[in-house]
Amino acid sequence: MIIGQILYEPLAVSKATNEVVLYPRHGDSKALGQIERFLSYFVFGDGYAELIPDVEQEEWWHLLLRKD
């Protein structure tokens, strides 16, 4: 099931396994872990910088840095 996108690349989650997968336009798909890990690491944690280029310009990134 498609749950969103990251920079126009589809992001899906398997209902059976809760695995989140990114499907880039070029290259192979990238497994991002189960939904709980995806949310805690890539959405609300340090992993956000691994997915988003020029993360220093992102307001969300600055908010995450201030959470501590």
Protein backbone atom coordinates (compact mmCIF):
# COMPACT_ATOMS: atom_id res chain seq x y z
CA MET A 1 0.00 0.00 0.00
CA ILE A 2 1.44 3.39 -0.99
CA ILE A 3 1.59 5.64 2.08
CA GLY A 4 3.37 8.66 0.67
CA GLN A 5 6.44 9.82 -1.13
CA ILE A 6 9.89 11.15 -0.48
CA LEU A 7 10.99 13.63 -3.13
CA TYR A 8 8.39 12.23 -5.56
CA GLU A 9 9.52 8.65 -5.04
CA PRO A 10 6.81 6.25 -3.78
CA LEU A 11 6.91 5.02 -0.21
CA ALA A 12 4.95 1.85 0.51
CA VAL A 13 4.18 -0.37 3.48
CA SER A 14 3.31 -4.04 3.38
CA LYS A 15 0.13 -4.81 5.30
CA ALA A 16 1.39 -8.34 5.92
CA THR A 17 4.84 -7.49 7.32
CA ASN A 18 4.63 -3.78 8.24
CA GLU A 19 7.82 -3.28 6.19
CA VAL A 20 8.32 0.19 4.69
CA VAL A 21 9.98 0.34 1.26
CA LEU A 22 11.14 3.30 -0.82
CA TYR A 23 10.93 2.86 -4.60
CA PRO A 24 13.39 5.29 -6.23
CA ARG A 25 12.98 6.20 -9.89
CA HIS A 26 16.50 4.96 -10.58
CA GLY A 27 17.98 1.96 -8.87
CA ASP A 28 16.70 -0.75 -6.59
CA SER A 29 14.07 -0.44 -3.89
CA LYS A 30 15.30 0.36 -0.39
CA ALA A 31 13.84 -1.39 2.66
CA LEU A 32 13.53 1.06 5.56
CA GLY A 33 12.46 -1.37 8.28
CA GLN A 34 9.13 -1.99 9.92
CA ILE A 35 6.77 0.93 10.37
CA GLU A 36 7.71 1.51 14.02
CA ARG A 37 11.42 1.78 13.19
CA PHE A 38 10.71 3.90 10.12
CA LEU A 39 8.75 6.41 12.18
CA SER A 40 11.15 6.56 15.12
CA TYR A 41 14.36 6.65 13.07
CA PHE A 42 13.58 8.17 9.67
CA VAL A 43 10.69 10.50 10.49
CA PHE A 44 11.45 11.56 14.07
CA GLY A 45 15.17 10.74 14.36
CA ASP A 46 18.63 11.01 12.85
CA GLY A 47 17.71 8.86 9.86
CA TYR A 48 15.80 11.79 8.37
CA ALA A 49 19.15 13.19 7.19
CA GLU A 50 19.87 9.92 5.35
CA LEU A 51 16.77 10.29 3.17
CA ILE A 52 16.58 14.02 2.52
CA PRO A 53 19.25 15.85 0.50
CA ASP A 54 20.26 19.31 1.74
CA VAL A 55 18.65 18.49 5.06
CA GLU A 56 20.18 21.60 6.63
CA GLN A 57 17.63 23.68 4.73
CA GLU A 58 14.65 21.69 6.05
CA GLU A 59 12.54 23.25 8.81
CA TRP A 60 11.57 19.78 10.03
CA TRP A 61 15.25 18.90 10.52
CA HIS A 62 15.81 22.01 12.65
CA LEU A 63 12.77 21.12 14.74
CA LEU A 64 14.15 17.61 15.26
CA LEU A 65 17.50 19.04 16.36
CA ARG A 66 15.76 21.19 19.00
CA LYS A 67 13.78 18.30 20.51
CA ASP A 68 16.63 17.25 22.82
